Amino acid sequence: MEVEVKLRLPDAVSHGQVSTLLSPFHIKTHRQENFFFDGLSGELSSRLAVLRIRFYDGDARCVICLKARAVLVDGVSRVEEDEEELEPSVGRACVEDPQRLKEVESRIMGRVKDEFGGYGFVGLGGFKNVRSVFEWNGLKLELDETSFEFGTLYEIECESNDPDAAKKMLEDLLKENGIAYSYSEASKFAIFRSGKL
């Protein structure tokens, strides 16, 4: 179970303010490409699951991930998540032809076949994300700028075993610095599927 605090920033200005504020704590920045897949008959989505292939910094790294039963309440997301490394060239081949997923030898694809049936796959498209990572007060913060075809989303995420404490620390930081925010109400995937920010 992945538990994350998700706070939405209203615009590029507030994103820039947070980036400047946290700059002394910056660890790395990743450019991510995210691609999503479903069964030919919606076998995953009909059971609130999603299959994602994510590329980091071109083809430096590739991860395949199965997420299920996501719940997002008051800026705290809880989702079952299982992921593993995938050879980037294999990931690119699956994006090009989703039917190649049937041939991928991996624990995740074994689960997909067992739990949802692996008869065929369809690509749903995806989006790009620039993720800046910071280590701040014992928390790992991820500042996201997500580019959809219909607009840009700005968000702070923080994975934590104590999401209430992490959320309070983040909210105090933003309030003390006059930075507007709200609780995220939908996952990036849900926003992507809805076609609106």
N, C-alpha and C. Protein backbone atom coordinates (compact mmCIF):
# COMPACT_ATOMS: atom_id res chain seq x y z
N MET A 1 0.85 -1.19 0.00
CA MET A 1 0.00 0.00 0.00
C MET A 1 0.89 1.25 0.00
N GLU A 2 0.71 2.08 -1.01
CA GLU A 2 1.42 3.35 -1.07
C GLU A 2 0.51 4.42 -0.48
N VAL A 3 1.03 5.18 0.49
CA VAL A 3 0.27 6.27 1.11
C VAL A 3 1.01 7.57 0.84
N GLU A 4 0.32 8.52 0.22
CA GLU A 4 0.95 9.78 -0.16
C GLU A 4 0.07 10.96 0.20
N VAL A 5 0.70 12.04 0.62
CA VAL A 5 0.04 13.34 0.71
C VAL A 5 0.13 13.97 -0.66
N LYS A 6 -1.00 14.52 -1.16
CA LYS A 6 -1.01 15.16 -2.47
C LYS A 6 -1.67 16.53 -2.34
N LEU A 7 -0.87 17.58 -2.52
CA LEU A 7 -1.38 18.95 -2.47
C LEU A 7 -1.23 19.59 -3.83
N ARG A 8 -2.33 20.18 -4.28
CA ARG A 8 -2.34 20.79 -5.61
C ARG A 8 -2.01 22.28 -5.52
N LEU A 9 -1.15 22.73 -6.42
CA LEU A 9 -0.78 24.14 -6.51
C LEU A 9 -1.56 24.76 -7.66
N PRO A 10 -2.03 26.01 -7.51
CA PRO A 10 -2.95 26.57 -8.51
C PRO A 10 -2.32 26.92 -9.85
N ASP A 11 -1.00 27.22 -9.88
CA ASP A 11 -0.44 27.73 -11.14
C ASP A 11 1.09 27.64 -11.13
N ALA A 12 1.68 28.08 -12.24
CA ALA A 12 3.14 28.04 -12.40
C ALA A 12 3.84 28.95 -11.40
N VAL A 13 3.19 30.05 -11.02
CA VAL A 13 3.79 30.98 -10.06
C VAL A 13 3.99 30.30 -8.71
N SER A 14 2.94 29.65 -8.20
CA SER A 14 3.06 28.98 -6.90
C SER A 14 4.04 27.80 -6.99
N HIS A 15 4.07 27.11 -8.13
CA HIS A 15 5.04 26.03 -8.35
C HIS A 15 6.46 26.60 -8.26
N GLY A 16 6.68 27.73 -8.88
CA GLY A 16 7.99 28.39 -8.83
C GLY A 16 8.37 28.82 -7.43
N GLN A 17 7.37 29.31 -6.66
CA GLN A 17 7.63 29.72 -5.28
C GLN A 17 8.08 28.53 -4.43
N VAL A 18 7.40 27.41 -4.60
CA VAL A 18 7.76 26.21 -3.84
C VAL A 18 9.15 25.73 -4.26
N SER A 19 9.42 25.73 -5.55
CA SER A 19 10.71 25.29 -6.06
C SER A 19 11.85 26.14 -5.49
N THR A 20 11.65 27.46 -5.44
CA THR A 20 12.66 28.38 -4.89
C THR A 20 12.84 28.15 -3.39
N LEU A 21 11.72 28.01 -2.69
CA LEU A 21 11.74 27.79 -1.24
C LEU A 21 12.51 26.52 -0.87
N LEU A 22 12.31 25.46 -1.66
CA LEU A 22 12.92 24.17 -1.36
C LEU A 22 14.28 23.96 -2.03
N SER A 23 14.74 24.93 -2.82
CA SER A 23 15.96 24.74 -3.61
C SER A 23 17.17 24.29 -2.79
N PRO A 24 17.36 24.74 -1.54
CA PRO A 24 18.51 24.24 -0.77
C PRO A 24 18.44 22.74 -0.47
N PHE A 25 17.26 22.15 -0.62
CA PHE A 25 17.05 20.74 -0.27
C PHE A 25 16.92 19.84 -1.50
N HIS A 26 17.21 20.41 -2.68
CA HIS A 26 17.03 19.69 -3.95
C HIS A 26 18.00 18.53 -4.07
N ILE A 27 17.49 17.34 -4.46
CA ILE A 27 18.32 16.14 -4.63
C ILE A 27 18.52 15.85 -6.12
N LYS A 28 17.40 15.80 -6.88
CA LYS A 28 17.48 15.47 -8.30
C LYS A 28 16.18 15.89 -8.98
N THR A 29 16.23 15.94 -10.30
CA THR A 29 15.04 16.20 -11.11
C THR A 29 14.96 15.13 -12.20
N HIS A 30 13.76 14.55 -12.34
CA HIS A 30 13.54 13.53 -13.37
C HIS A 30 12.55 14.05 -14.40
N ARG A 31 12.80 13.68 -15.65
CA ARG A 31 11.80 13.88 -16.70
C ARG A 31 11.17 12.52 -16.94
N GLN A 32 9.87 12.44 -16.70
CA GLN A 32 9.16 11.16 -16.78
C GLN A 32 8.19 11.16 -17.96
N GLU A 33 8.09 10.00 -18.60
CA GLU A 33 7.04 9.76 -19.59
C GLU A 33 6.20 8.60 -19.05
N ASN A 34 4.89 8.80 -18.98
CA ASN A 34 3.98 7.80 -18.43
C ASN A 34 3.01 7.32 -19.50
N PHE A 35 2.92 6.00 -19.66
CA PHE A 35 2.01 5.39 -20.63
C PHE A 35 1.15 4.36 -19.91
N PHE A 36 -0.14 4.34 -20.26
CA PHE A 36 -1.10 3.50 -19.56
C PHE A 36 -1.76 2.49 -20.50
N PHE A 37 -2.15 1.36 -19.92
CA PHE A 37 -2.69 0.25 -20.71
C PHE A 37 -3.88 -0.37 -19.99
N ASP A 38 -4.77 -0.95 -20.78
CA ASP A 38 -5.91 -1.68 -20.25
C ASP A 38 -6.06 -2.95 -21.08
N GLY A 39 -6.89 -3.88 -20.60
CA GLY A 39 -7.23 -5.04 -21.40
C GLY A 39 -8.12 -4.61 -22.56
N LEU A 40 -8.20 -5.43 -23.59
CA LEU A 40 -8.99 -5.09 -24.78
C LEU A 40 -10.45 -4.83 -24.43
N SER A 41 -10.95 -5.48 -23.39
CA SER A 41 -12.35 -5.29 -22.98
C SER A 41 -12.46 -4.54 -21.65
N GLY A 42 -11.43 -3.75 -21.33
CA GLY A 42 -11.47 -2.95 -20.10
C GLY A 42 -11.35 -3.79 -18.84
N GLU A 43 -10.65 -4.93 -18.92
CA GLU A 43 -10.55 -5.83 -17.77
C GLU A 43 -9.92 -5.18 -16.54
N LEU A 44 -8.95 -4.28 -16.75
CA LEU A 44 -8.30 -3.64 -15.60
C LEU A 44 -9.14 -2.48 -15.07
N SER A 45 -9.52 -1.56 -15.95
CA SER A 45 -10.25 -0.37 -15.50
C SER A 45 -11.59 -0.72 -14.86
N SER A 46 -12.23 -1.79 -15.34
CA SER A 46 -13.52 -2.17 -14.76
C SER A 46 -13.37 -2.64 -13.31
N ARG A 47 -12.14 -2.99 -12.94
CA ARG A 47 -11.87 -3.41 -11.56
C ARG A 47 -10.94 -2.43 -10.85
N LEU A 48 -10.99 -1.17 -11.29
CA LEU A 48 -10.25 -0.06 -10.66
C LEU A 48 -8.75 -0.32 -10.58
N ALA A 49 -8.21 -0.90 -11.64
CA ALA A 49 -6.77 -1.14 -11.72
C ALA A 49 -6.22 -0.45 -12.97
N VAL A 50 -4.92 -0.16 -12.93
CA VAL A 50 -4.28 0.47 -14.07
C VAL A 50 -2.86 -0.07 -14.21
N LEU A 51 -2.45 -0.27 -15.44
CA LEU A 51 -1.11 -0.74 -15.76
C LEU A 51 -0.35 0.42 -16.40
N ARG A 52 0.83 0.73 -15.83
CA ARG A 52 1.60 1.89 -16.32
C ARG A 52 3.02 1.47 -16.63
N ILE A 53 3.57 2.03 -17.71
CA ILE A 53 5.01 1.96 -17.99
C ILE A 53 5.53 3.39 -17.91
N ARG A 54 6.56 3.58 -17.08
CA ARG A 54 7.15 4.92 -16.90
C ARG A 54 8.61 4.89 -17.29
N PHE A 55 9.00 5.87 -18.10
CA PHE A 55 10.39 6.07 -18.49
C PHE A 55 10.95 7.27 -17.74
N TYR A 56 12.18 7.13 -17.28
CA TYR A 56 12.87 8.22 -16.58
C TYR A 56 14.00 8.74 -17.45
N ASP A 57 14.01 10.06 -17.65
CA ASP A 57 15.13 10.73 -18.32
C ASP A 57 15.49 10.04 -19.64
N GLY A 58 14.53 10.03 -20.55
CA GLY A 58 14.70 9.32 -21.82
C GLY A 58 14.56 7.83 -21.56
N ASP A 59 15.62 7.09 -21.82
CA ASP A 59 15.59 5.64 -21.57
C ASP A 59 16.59 5.23 -20.49
N ALA A 60 16.88 6.15 -19.56
CA ALA A 60 17.83 5.83 -18.49
C ALA A 60 17.27 4.73 -17.58
N ARG A 61 15.94 4.72 -17.40
CA ARG A 61 15.31 3.73 -16.53
C ARG A 61 13.87 3.55 -16.98
N CYS A 62 13.34 2.34 -16.79
CA CYS A 62 11.95 2.05 -17.14
C CYS A 62 11.35 1.17 -16.04
N VAL A 63 10.14 1.52 -15.62
CA VAL A 63 9.46 0.78 -14.55
C VAL A 63 8.04 0.45 -14.99
N ILE A 64 7.65 -0.81 -14.80
CA ILE A 64 6.26 -1.21 -15.06
C ILE A 64 5.55 -1.31 -13.71
N CYS A 65 4.31 -0.85 -13.66
CA CYS A 65 3.62 -0.72 -12.38
C CYS A 65 2.15 -1.11 -12.53
N LEU A 66 1.64 -1.82 -11.54
CA LEU A 66 0.22 -2.14 -11.45
C LEU A 66 -0.33 -1.45 -10.21
N LYS A 67 -1.33 -0.59 -10.42
CA LYS A 67 -1.98 0.11 -9.31
C LYS A 67 -3.43 -0.34 -9.24
N ALA A 68 -3.95 -0.41 -8.01
CA ALA A 68 -5.34 -0.85 -7.86
C ALA A 68 -5.98 -0.21 -6.64
N ARG A 69 -7.30 -0.06 -6.71
CA ARG A 69 -8.13 0.39 -5.60
C ARG A 69 -7.63 1.67 -4.95
N ALA A 70 -7.43 2.68 -5.78
CA ALA A 70 -6.97 3.98 -5.28
C ALA A 70 -8.09 4.72 -4.57
N VAL A 71 -7.75 5.32 -3.43
CA VAL A 71 -8.69 6.16 -2.67
C VAL A 71 -7.95 7.44 -2.33
N LEU A 72 -8.57 8.60 -2.61
CA LEU A 72 -7.96 9.90 -2.34
C LEU A 72 -8.95 10.74 -1.54
N VAL A 73 -8.61 10.98 -0.27
CA VAL A 73 -9.50 11.73 0.63
C VAL A 73 -8.69 12.80 1.36
N ASP A 74 -9.16 14.04 1.33
CA ASP A 74 -8.52 15.16 2.05
C ASP A 74 -7.02 15.24 1.78
N GLY A 75 -6.64 15.05 0.52
CA GLY A 75 -5.25 15.20 0.15
C GLY A 75 -4.35 14.03 0.51
N VAL A 76 -4.95 12.91 0.96
CA VAL A 76 -4.16 11.71 1.27
C VAL A 76 -4.62 10.58 0.36
N SER A 77 -3.66 10.05 -0.41
CA SER A 77 -3.94 8.98 -1.37
C SER A 77 -3.46 7.64 -0.80
N ARG A 78 -4.31 6.63 -0.94
CA ARG A 78 -3.92 5.27 -0.58
C ARG A 78 -4.20 4.39 -1.79
N VAL A 79 -3.19 3.66 -2.24
CA VAL A 79 -3.35 2.84 -3.43
C VAL A 79 -2.46 1.60 -3.31
N GLU A 80 -2.98 0.47 -3.75
CA GLU A 80 -2.16 -0.73 -3.84
C GLU A 80 -1.24 -0.55 -5.05
N GLU A 81 0.05 -0.69 -4.83
CA GLU A 81 1.01 -0.45 -5.91
C GLU A 81 2.06 -1.55 -5.93
N ASP A 82 2.32 -2.09 -7.10
CA ASP A 82 3.34 -3.11 -7.29
C ASP A 82 4.13 -2.70 -8.52
N GLU A 83 5.46 -2.60 -8.39
CA GLU A 83 6.24 -2.18 -9.54
C GLU A 83 7.56 -2.93 -9.62
N GLU A 84 8.11 -2.96 -10.84
CA GLU A 84 9.42 -3.59 -11.04
C GLU A 84 10.09 -2.96 -12.25
N GLU A 85 11.41 -3.11 -12.29
CA GLU A 85 12.20 -2.58 -13.40
C GLU A 85 11.89 -3.36 -14.68
N LEU A 86 11.95 -2.65 -15.79
CA LEU A 86 11.75 -3.25 -17.10
C LEU A 86 12.85 -2.71 -18.02
N GLU A 87 13.37 -3.54 -18.88
CA GLU A 87 14.36 -3.09 -19.86
C GLU A 87 13.71 -1.99 -20.71
N PRO A 88 14.33 -0.79 -20.79
CA PRO A 88 13.71 0.32 -21.53
C PRO A 88 13.31 -0.03 -22.97
N SER A 89 14.14 -0.82 -23.68
CA SER A 89 13.80 -1.17 -25.06
C SER A 89 12.53 -2.02 -25.11
N VAL A 90 12.32 -2.87 -24.10
CA VAL A 90 11.09 -3.68 -24.02
C VAL A 90 9.90 -2.77 -23.74
N GLY A 91 10.08 -1.81 -22.84
CA GLY A 91 9.01 -0.86 -22.54
C GLY A 91 8.60 -0.06 -23.77
N ARG A 92 9.59 0.41 -24.54
CA ARG A 92 9.29 1.19 -25.75
C ARG A 92 8.54 0.32 -26.77
N ALA A 93 8.94 -0.95 -26.88
CA ALA A 93 8.26 -1.85 -27.82
C ALA A 93 6.80 -2.03 -27.42
N CYS A 94 6.52 -2.09 -26.12
CA CYS A 94 5.14 -2.26 -25.63
C CYS A 94 4.30 -1.00 -25.87
N VAL A 95 4.93 0.17 -25.76
CA VAL A 95 4.22 1.42 -26.05
C VAL A 95 3.87 1.46 -27.54
N GLU A 96 4.81 1.02 -28.37
CA GLU A 96 4.61 1.01 -29.83
C GLU A 96 3.52 0.01 -30.22
N ASP A 97 3.53 -1.16 -29.57
CA ASP A 97 2.55 -2.21 -29.86
C ASP A 97 2.13 -2.88 -28.55
N PRO A 98 1.01 -2.42 -27.96
CA PRO A 98 0.58 -2.94 -26.66
C PRO A 98 0.43 -4.47 -26.60
N GLN A 99 0.24 -5.12 -27.74
CA GLN A 99 0.13 -6.58 -27.72
C GLN A 99 1.43 -7.25 -27.27
N ARG A 100 2.54 -6.50 -27.36
CA ARG A 100 3.83 -7.05 -26.91
C ARG A 100 3.83 -7.30 -25.40
N LEU A 101 2.92 -6.65 -24.67
CA LEU A 101 2.84 -6.88 -23.22
C LEU A 101 2.59 -8.35 -22.90
N LYS A 102 1.89 -9.05 -23.80
CA LYS A 102 1.60 -10.48 -23.57
C LYS A 102 2.88 -11.30 -23.49
N GLU A 103 3.96 -10.81 -24.14
CA GLU A 103 5.21 -11.57 -24.21
C GLU A 103 6.21 -11.18 -23.12
N VAL A 104 5.89 -10.13 -22.35
CA VAL A 104 6.84 -9.65 -21.34
C VAL A 104 6.93 -10.64 -20.18
N GLU A 105 8.16 -11.07 -19.91
CA GLU A 105 8.41 -11.98 -18.79
C GLU A 105 8.68 -11.14 -17.56
N SER A 106 7.68 -11.00 -16.70
CA SER A 106 7.86 -10.22 -15.47
C SER A 106 6.83 -10.65 -14.44
N ARG A 107 7.18 -10.39 -13.18
CA ARG A 107 6.27 -10.70 -12.08
C ARG A 107 4.95 -9.92 -12.24
N ILE A 108 5.06 -8.65 -12.60
CA ILE A 108 3.86 -7.81 -12.75
C ILE A 108 2.94 -8.37 -13.83
N MET A 109 3.51 -8.70 -14.99
CA MET A 109 2.66 -9.21 -16.07
C MET A 109 2.09 -10.58 -15.71
N GLY A 110 2.82 -11.34 -14.91
CA GLY A 110 2.26 -12.60 -14.40
C GLY A 110 1.02 -12.34 -13.55
N ARG A 111 1.11 -11.32 -12.69
CA ARG A 111 -0.06 -10.94 -11.87
C ARG A 111 -1.22 -10.48 -12.74
N VAL A 112 -0.91 -9.64 -13.74
CA VAL A 112 -1.97 -9.13 -14.62
C VAL A 112 -2.70 -10.29 -15.30
N LYS A 113 -1.93 -11.25 -15.81
CA LYS A 113 -2.54 -12.40 -16.48
C LYS A 113 -3.37 -13.23 -15.51
N ASP A 114 -2.84 -13.45 -14.30
CA ASP A 114 -3.56 -14.26 -13.30
C ASP A 114 -4.83 -13.58 -12.82
N GLU A 115 -4.75 -12.27 -12.56
CA GLU A 115 -5.86 -11.56 -11.92
C GLU A 115 -6.87 -10.98 -12.91
N PHE A 116 -6.40 -10.64 -14.11
CA PHE A 116 -7.29 -9.93 -15.05
C PHE A 116 -7.42 -10.65 -16.39
N GLY A 117 -6.58 -11.66 -16.64
CA GLY A 117 -6.58 -12.32 -17.95
C GLY A 117 -5.72 -11.51 -18.89
N GLY A 118 -4.77 -12.13 -19.51
CA GLY A 118 -3.84 -11.39 -20.37
C GLY A 118 -4.06 -11.69 -21.83
N TYR A 119 -5.30 -11.52 -22.28
CA TYR A 119 -5.64 -11.93 -23.65
C TYR A 119 -5.26 -10.90 -24.70
N GLY A 120 -5.15 -9.67 -24.27
CA GLY A 120 -4.78 -8.62 -25.21
C GLY A 120 -4.80 -7.28 -24.49
N PHE A 121 -4.08 -6.31 -25.04
CA PHE A 121 -3.94 -5.03 -24.37
C PHE A 121 -4.13 -3.89 -25.36
N VAL A 122 -4.56 -2.76 -24.82
CA VAL A 122 -4.73 -1.55 -25.61
C VAL A 122 -4.02 -0.42 -24.89
N GLY A 123 -3.35 0.44 -25.67
CA GLY A 123 -2.70 1.61 -25.10
C GLY A 123 -3.71 2.73 -24.91
N LEU A 124 -3.64 3.40 -23.76
CA LEU A 124 -4.58 4.49 -23.45
C LEU A 124 -3.96 5.86 -23.69
N GLY A 125 -2.65 5.88 -24.01
CA GLY A 125 -1.96 7.16 -24.13
C GLY A 125 -1.27 7.48 -22.82
N GLY A 126 -0.92 8.76 -22.64
CA GLY A 126 -0.23 9.12 -21.42
C GLY A 126 0.09 10.59 -21.34
N PHE A 127 1.06 10.90 -20.49
CA PHE A 127 1.44 12.30 -20.26
C PHE A 127 2.88 12.36 -19.77
N LYS A 128 3.44 13.57 -19.78
CA LYS A 128 4.81 13.79 -19.33
C LYS A 128 4.80 14.54 -18.01
N ASN A 129 5.86 14.33 -17.23
CA ASN A 129 5.95 14.94 -15.92
C ASN A 129 7.40 15.31 -15.63
N VAL A 130 7.61 16.52 -15.12
CA VAL A 130 8.92 16.91 -14.60
C VAL A 130 8.80 16.86 -13.08
N ARG A 131 9.61 15.99 -12.46
CA ARG A 131 9.52 15.77 -11.01
C ARG A 131 10.83 16.18 -10.35
N SER A 132 10.74 17.21 -9.50
CA SER A 132 11.89 17.63 -8.70
C SER A 132 11.77 17.00 -7.32
N VAL A 133 12.86 16.39 -6.86
CA VAL A 133 12.84 15.66 -5.59
C VAL A 133 13.67 16.43 -4.56
N PHE A 134 13.10 16.57 -3.36
CA PHE A 134 13.74 17.30 -2.27
C PHE A 134 13.72 16.45 -1.00
N GLU A 135 14.78 16.56 -0.19
CA GLU A 135 14.81 15.97 1.15
C GLU A 135 14.68 17.14 2.12
N TRP A 136 13.52 17.21 2.79
CA TRP A 136 13.24 18.37 3.65
C TRP A 136 12.66 17.89 4.98
N ASN A 137 13.32 18.24 6.08
CA ASN A 137 12.83 17.90 7.43
C ASN A 137 12.43 16.44 7.58
N GLY A 138 13.25 15.56 7.01
CA GLY A 138 12.97 14.13 7.13
C GLY A 138 11.94 13.60 6.15
N LEU A 139 11.43 14.48 5.29
CA LEU A 139 10.44 14.07 4.28
C LEU A 139 11.06 14.09 2.89
N LYS A 140 10.61 13.17 2.05
CA LYS A 140 11.00 13.20 0.64
C LYS A 140 9.84 13.83 -0.12
N LEU A 141 10.05 15.04 -0.62
CA LEU A 141 9.01 15.78 -1.34
C LEU A 141 9.25 15.69 -2.83
N GLU A 142 8.17 15.52 -3.58
CA GLU A 142 8.23 15.47 -5.03
C GLU A 142 7.35 16.59 -5.58
N LEU A 143 7.98 17.53 -6.26
CA LEU A 143 7.27 18.67 -6.84
C LEU A 143 7.08 18.39 -8.33
N ASP A 144 5.82 18.26 -8.74
CA ASP A 144 5.50 17.81 -10.09
C ASP A 144 4.93 18.93 -10.96
N GLU A 145 5.36 18.93 -12.21
CA GLU A 145 4.77 19.76 -13.27
C GLU A 145 4.36 18.78 -14.37
N THR A 146 3.06 18.48 -14.42
CA THR A 146 2.56 17.43 -15.30
C THR A 146 1.89 18.04 -16.52
N SER A 147 2.37 17.66 -17.71
CA SER A 147 1.86 18.23 -18.96
C SER A 147 0.88 17.26 -19.63
N PHE A 148 -0.39 17.67 -19.62
CA PHE A 148 -1.43 16.95 -20.36
C PHE A 148 -1.68 17.71 -21.66
N GLU A 149 -2.37 17.09 -22.60
CA GLU A 149 -2.71 17.78 -23.85
C GLU A 149 -3.64 18.97 -23.58
N PHE A 150 -4.37 18.93 -22.46
CA PHE A 150 -5.38 19.95 -22.16
C PHE A 150 -4.94 20.94 -21.07
N GLY A 151 -3.68 20.87 -20.64
CA GLY A 151 -3.21 21.82 -19.63
C GLY A 151 -2.12 21.24 -18.76
N THR A 152 -1.68 22.04 -17.79
CA THR A 152 -0.58 21.65 -16.90
C THR A 152 -1.06 21.63 -15.46
N LEU A 153 -0.70 20.56 -14.77
CA LEU A 153 -1.04 20.37 -13.35
C LEU A 153 0.21 20.54 -12.52
N TYR A 154 0.08 21.25 -11.39
CA TYR A 154 1.19 21.45 -10.46
C TYR A 154 0.80 20.82 -9.13
N GLU A 155 1.71 20.04 -8.55
CA GLU A 155 1.35 19.27 -7.37
C GLU A 155 2.59 18.96 -6.54
N ILE A 156 2.40 18.85 -5.22
CA ILE A 156 3.44 18.34 -4.33
C ILE A 156 2.96 17.00 -3.81
N GLU A 157 3.84 16.00 -3.85
CA GLU A 157 3.53 14.68 -3.30
C GLU A 157 4.56 14.32 -2.24
N CYS A 158 4.12 13.59 -1.24
CA CYS A 158 5.02 13.13 -0.18
C CYS A 158 4.54 11.79 0.32
N GLU A 159 5.32 10.75 0.03
CA GLU A 159 5.00 9.41 0.53
C GLU A 159 5.38 9.35 2.00
N SER A 160 4.48 8.83 2.84
CA SER A 160 4.74 8.85 4.28
C SER A 160 3.96 7.76 5.00
N ASN A 161 4.58 7.22 6.07
CA ASN A 161 3.88 6.29 6.95
C ASN A 161 2.97 7.03 7.92
N ASP A 162 3.19 8.34 8.05
CA ASP A 162 2.36 9.17 8.92
C ASP A 162 1.86 10.36 8.10
N PRO A 163 0.88 10.11 7.21
CA PRO A 163 0.47 11.16 6.28
C PRO A 163 -0.13 12.39 6.96
N ASP A 164 -0.76 12.22 8.10
CA ASP A 164 -1.36 13.38 8.78
C ASP A 164 -0.27 14.35 9.25
N ALA A 165 0.80 13.80 9.84
CA ALA A 165 1.91 14.65 10.30
C ALA A 165 2.61 15.30 9.11
N ALA A 166 2.84 14.53 8.04
CA ALA A 166 3.50 15.07 6.85
C ALA A 166 2.65 16.18 6.22
N LYS A 167 1.34 15.95 6.16
CA LYS A 167 0.45 16.95 5.58
C LYS A 167 0.48 18.25 6.39
N LYS A 168 0.47 18.13 7.71
CA LYS A 168 0.51 19.33 8.56
C LYS A 168 1.81 20.10 8.34
N MET A 169 2.95 19.39 8.27
CA MET A 169 4.23 20.06 8.03
C MET A 169 4.23 20.80 6.69
N LEU A 170 3.71 20.14 5.67
CA LEU A 170 3.64 20.76 4.34
C LEU A 170 2.71 21.97 4.33
N GLU A 171 1.53 21.79 4.93
CA GLU A 171 0.57 22.90 4.96
C GLU A 171 1.14 24.09 5.72
N ASP A 172 1.83 23.83 6.86
CA ASP A 172 2.43 24.92 7.63
C ASP A 172 3.47 25.65 6.78
N LEU A 173 4.30 24.91 6.05
CA LEU A 173 5.32 25.52 5.19
C LEU A 173 4.68 26.44 4.15
N LEU A 174 3.63 25.94 3.49
CA LEU A 174 2.98 26.73 2.44
C LEU A 174 2.28 27.95 3.03
N LYS A 175 1.58 27.77 4.15
CA LYS A 175 0.87 28.91 4.77
C LYS A 175 1.84 29.98 5.24
N GLU A 176 2.94 29.55 5.89
CA GLU A 176 3.94 30.51 6.40
C GLU A 176 4.53 31.35 5.28
N ASN A 177 4.57 30.79 4.07
CA ASN A 177 5.17 31.49 2.93
C ASN A 177 4.14 32.06 1.97
N GLY A 178 2.87 32.05 2.37
CA GLY A 178 1.81 32.66 1.58
C GLY A 178 1.58 32.00 0.23
N ILE A 179 1.80 30.67 0.18
CA ILE A 179 1.64 29.95 -1.09
C ILE A 179 0.29 29.23 -1.09
N ALA A 180 -0.52 29.55 -2.09
CA ALA A 180 -1.86 28.95 -2.20
C ALA A 180 -1.75 27.47 -2.56
N TYR A 181 -2.69 26.68 -2.07
CA TYR A 181 -2.75 25.25 -2.38
C TYR A 181 -4.15 24.74 -2.08
N SER A 182 -4.42 23.53 -2.53
CA SER A 182 -5.66 22.85 -2.17
C SER A 182 -5.35 21.36 -2.11
N TYR A 183 -6.27 20.58 -1.55
CA TYR A 183 -6.08 19.13 -1.53
C TYR A 183 -6.35 18.59 -2.93
N SER A 184 -5.47 17.72 -3.40
CA SER A 184 -5.72 17.06 -4.69
C SER A 184 -6.96 16.19 -4.55
N GLU A 185 -7.82 16.23 -5.56
CA GLU A 185 -9.08 15.49 -5.51
C GLU A 185 -9.10 14.29 -6.45
N ALA A 186 -8.09 14.19 -7.32
CA ALA A 186 -8.05 13.09 -8.28
C ALA A 186 -6.59 12.76 -8.60
N SER A 187 -6.33 11.51 -8.93
CA SER A 187 -4.98 11.11 -9.34
C SER A 187 -4.66 11.70 -10.71
N LYS A 188 -3.39 11.73 -11.06
CA LYS A 188 -3.00 12.21 -12.39
C LYS A 188 -3.65 11.35 -13.47
N PHE A 189 -3.74 10.04 -13.23
CA PHE A 189 -4.36 9.17 -14.22
C PHE A 189 -5.84 9.51 -14.39
N ALA A 190 -6.54 9.75 -13.27
CA ALA A 190 -7.97 10.10 -13.35
C ALA A 190 -8.15 11.43 -14.10
N ILE A 191 -7.25 12.39 -13.85
CA ILE A 191 -7.31 13.68 -14.56
C ILE A 191 -7.07 13.46 -16.05
N PHE A 192 -6.07 12.65 -16.37
CA PHE A 192 -5.76 12.31 -17.76
C PHE A 192 -7.00 11.70 -18.45
N ARG A 193 -7.65 10.77 -17.79
CA ARG A 193 -8.82 10.09 -18.38
C ARG A 193 -10.02 11.03 -18.52
N SER A 194 -10.14 11.99 -17.58
CA SER A 194 -11.29 12.89 -17.62
C SER A 194 -11.12 13.96 -18.71
N GLY A 195 -9.86 14.25 -19.06
CA GLY A 195 -9.61 15.26 -20.09
C GLY A 195 -9.74 16.68 -19.62
N LYS A 196 -9.76 16.87 -18.28
CA LYS A 196 -9.82 18.25 -17.75
C LYS A 196 -9.13 18.34 -16.40
N LEU A 197 -8.50 19.50 -16.19
CA LEU A 197 -7.79 19.75 -14.93
C LEU A 197 -8.78 19.94 -13.79
